[in-house]
Amino acid sequence: MDNAFHSATLAIVAFGIEDRRYAFRLPAVERVLPMVEVTPLPKAPAIAIGVINLHGTVIPVLDIRRRFGFPVRDYGPTAHLLVARTRRRTLAVPVDEVFGVSEVMAEAVTPPDAILPGISLVEGIVALADGLLFIHDLETFLSLDEENRLDEALEEMRP
């Protein structure tokens, strides 16, 4: 593949929540899992619904529905968990549907400030033939206060 062409694309993992399409950059996503039982995590920030045990590692589960103001719901067996990595931690995000890996042309990504200044959670927006795709930056998903509260809650959980 021509390297110049490759640099003009952005690899993403697209997923659905509440009939809307979102994506994370592919390098941030480690794997997709079927939904599993989430253990509550007392004293965690509201966006954290609990933790899962993934091969002996405790992974916080962040419900981005809460961040977007969608109604809270119980995730059933048809839901999935996207396991992703930020600079600070590995986390899991429950989603309704995973559409898979795809590439979008870099020039097709509109910076969020060009549409609505101040949307820090959104890295870019892509207009598709059948709607919009919002690419999110996992690094900005938790505020510093939420990161610290999550660290404290996870620390209290350890024996």
Protein backbone atom coordinates (compact mmCIF):
# COMPACT_ATOMS: atom_id res chain seq x y z
CA MET A 1 0.00 0.00 0.00
CA ASP A 2 1.28 3.47 -0.84
CA ASN A 3 2.44 5.09 2.39
CA ALA A 4 1.19 8.54 1.36
CA PHE A 5 -2.30 7.13 0.84
CA HIS A 6 -2.20 5.22 4.11
CA SER A 7 -1.35 8.34 6.10
CA ALA A 8 -4.45 10.02 4.68
CA THR A 9 -6.76 7.54 6.39
CA LEU A 10 -7.81 7.05 9.99
CA ALA A 11 -8.44 3.51 11.28
CA ILE A 12 -11.38 3.40 13.68
CA VAL A 13 -13.59 0.95 15.55
CA ALA A 14 -17.20 2.04 15.04
CA PHE A 15 -19.97 1.24 17.51
CA GLY A 16 -23.57 2.17 18.26
CA ILE A 17 -25.30 3.58 21.32
CA GLU A 18 -28.96 4.65 21.22
CA ASP A 19 -29.12 4.44 17.40
CA ARG A 20 -26.17 6.82 17.07
CA ARG A 21 -22.74 5.95 15.70
CA TYR A 22 -19.49 6.57 17.51
CA ALA A 23 -15.91 5.46 17.10
CA PHE A 24 -12.58 5.21 18.87
CA ARG A 25 -9.26 5.20 17.06
CA LEU A 26 -8.25 1.61 16.34
CA PRO A 27 -4.87 1.75 18.16
CA ALA A 28 -6.70 2.53 21.43
CA VAL A 29 -8.99 -0.52 21.23
CA GLU A 30 -7.54 -3.77 22.55
CA ARG A 31 -10.51 -6.08 22.02
CA VAL A 32 -14.27 -6.50 21.89
CA LEU A 33 -15.93 -8.82 24.40
CA PRO A 34 -19.48 -10.03 24.90
CA MET A 35 -21.11 -8.32 27.87
CA VAL A 36 -20.19 -9.82 31.24
CA GLU A 37 -21.35 -9.18 34.77
CA VAL A 38 -20.08 -5.87 36.11
CA THR A 39 -19.24 -5.67 39.82
CA PRO A 40 -20.27 -2.34 41.40
CA LEU A 41 -17.43 -0.04 42.50
CA PRO A 42 -18.42 2.05 45.53
CA LYS A 43 -17.17 5.65 45.63
CA ALA A 44 -16.33 5.67 41.92
CA PRO A 45 -17.40 8.63 39.75
CA ALA A 46 -20.91 8.36 38.30
CA ILE A 47 -19.63 7.46 34.82
CA ALA A 48 -18.00 4.29 36.23
CA ILE A 49 -20.62 1.59 36.65
CA GLY A 50 -18.19 -0.89 38.15
CA VAL A 51 -15.36 -3.24 37.27
CA ILE A 52 -14.77 -6.52 35.46
CA ASN A 53 -12.08 -9.12 35.94
CA LEU A 54 -10.26 -9.69 32.67
CA HIS A 55 -7.73 -12.50 33.01
CA GLY A 56 -6.90 -11.45 36.58
CA THR A 57 -6.80 -7.72 35.86
CA VAL A 58 -9.44 -5.40 37.32
CA ILE A 59 -10.77 -3.16 34.55
CA PRO A 60 -13.10 -0.20 35.26
CA VAL A 61 -16.25 -0.06 33.14
CA LEU A 62 -17.28 3.43 32.00
CA ASP A 63 -20.85 3.96 30.85
CA ILE A 64 -20.59 6.69 28.25
CA ARG A 65 -24.39 6.81 28.08
CA ARG A 66 -24.16 8.74 31.34
CA ARG A 67 -21.65 11.18 29.82
CA PHE A 68 -23.98 11.86 26.87
CA GLY A 69 -27.11 12.15 29.01
CA PHE A 70 -28.79 9.05 27.57
CA PRO A 71 -31.13 7.06 29.81
CA VAL A 72 -29.26 4.56 31.97
CA ARG A 73 -30.04 0.99 31.01
CA ASP A 74 -29.16 -2.50 32.03
CA TYR A 75 -26.96 -4.05 29.41
CA GLY A 76 -28.21 -7.45 28.32
CA PRO A 77 -26.46 -10.38 26.67
CA THR A 78 -26.57 -8.71 23.23
CA ALA A 79 -24.39 -5.79 24.39
CA HIS A 80 -20.61 -5.72 24.00
CA LEU A 81 -17.66 -4.29 25.89
CA LEU A 82 -14.97 -2.39 24.05
CA VAL A 83 -11.74 -2.81 26.01
CA ALA A 84 -9.51 0.17 25.29
CA ARG A 85 -6.32 1.74 26.56
CA THR A 86 -5.64 5.34 27.52
CA ARG A 87 -2.29 6.70 28.67
CA ARG A 88 -3.39 6.15 32.29
CA ARG A 89 -5.34 2.90 32.26
CA THR A 90 -7.18 0.12 30.48
CA LEU A 91 -10.96 0.50 30.61
CA ALA A 92 -14.09 -1.11 29.21
CA VAL A 93 -17.00 0.68 27.57
CA PRO A 94 -20.38 -1.04 27.15
CA VAL A 95 -21.95 -0.47 23.73
CA ASP A 96 -25.17 -1.61 22.09
CA GLU A 97 -23.56 -2.74 18.86
CA VAL A 98 -20.09 -2.98 17.31
CA PHE A 99 -19.90 -2.22 13.59
CA GLY A 100 -16.26 -3.21 13.28
CA VAL A 101 -13.03 -1.72 12.04
CA SER A 102 -13.05 0.68 9.13
CA GLU A 103 -11.02 3.49 7.67
CA VAL A 104 -12.18 7.01 7.02
CA MET A 105 -10.36 9.55 4.90
CA ALA A 106 -8.60 12.05 7.15
CA GLU A 107 -9.96 14.99 5.14
CA ALA A 108 -13.51 13.72 5.78
CA VAL A 109 -13.09 14.27 9.53
CA THR A 110 -14.44 17.66 10.61
CA PRO A 111 -12.91 19.11 13.79
CA PRO A 112 -15.64 19.43 16.45
CA ASP A 113 -14.92 23.12 17.10
CA ALA A 114 -15.89 23.85 13.49
CA ILE A 115 -19.42 22.67 14.32
CA LEU A 116 -19.89 23.30 18.04
CA PRO A 117 -17.08 24.95 20.01
CA GLY A 118 -16.29 23.32 23.34
CA ILE A 119 -17.11 19.66 22.64
CA SER A 120 -13.91 18.32 24.14
CA LEU A 121 -14.99 14.66 24.15
CA VAL A 122 -15.30 14.57 20.38
CA GLU A 123 -12.10 14.37 18.36
CA GLY A 124 -13.85 14.62 15.01
CA ILE A 125 -17.12 14.16 13.15
CA VAL A 126 -17.56 12.30 9.88
CA ALA A 127 -20.62 12.85 7.67
CA LEU A 128 -21.64 9.48 6.23
CA ALA A 129 -24.31 8.85 3.61
CA ASP A 130 -26.75 7.74 6.32
CA GLY A 131 -25.81 9.98 9.24
CA LEU A 132 -22.98 11.24 11.41
CA LEU A 133 -20.15 9.33 13.06
CA PHE A 134 -18.60 10.88 16.18
CA ILE A 135 -14.97 9.94 16.83
CA HIS A 136 -14.19 10.20 20.53
CA ASP A 137 -10.93 10.81 22.31
CA LEU A 138 -10.67 8.40 25.24
CA GLU A 139 -7.90 10.53 26.76
CA THR A 140 -10.43 13.28 27.55
CA PHE A 141 -13.29 11.04 28.67
CA LEU A 142 -12.58 11.36 32.36
CA SER A 143 -11.92 14.68 34.03
CA LEU A 144 -8.92 14.86 36.33
CA ASP A 145 -11.27 14.70 39.33
CA GLU A 146 -12.98 11.59 37.90
CA GLU A 147 -9.58 9.98 37.23
CA ASN A 148 -8.54 10.62 40.84
CA ARG A 149 -11.85 9.37 42.29
CA LEU A 150 -11.63 6.25 40.13
CA ASP A 151 -8.04 5.62 41.32
CA GLU A 152 -9.16 5.99 44.95
CA ALA A 153 -12.15 3.66 44.48
CA LEU A 154 -9.96 1.03 42.80
CA GLU A 155 -7.36 1.34 45.57
CA GLU A 156 -10.03 0.80 48.26
CA MET A 157 -11.13 -2.33 46.46
CA ARG A 158 -7.69 -3.96 46.75
CA PRO A 159 -7.23 -6.33 49.71
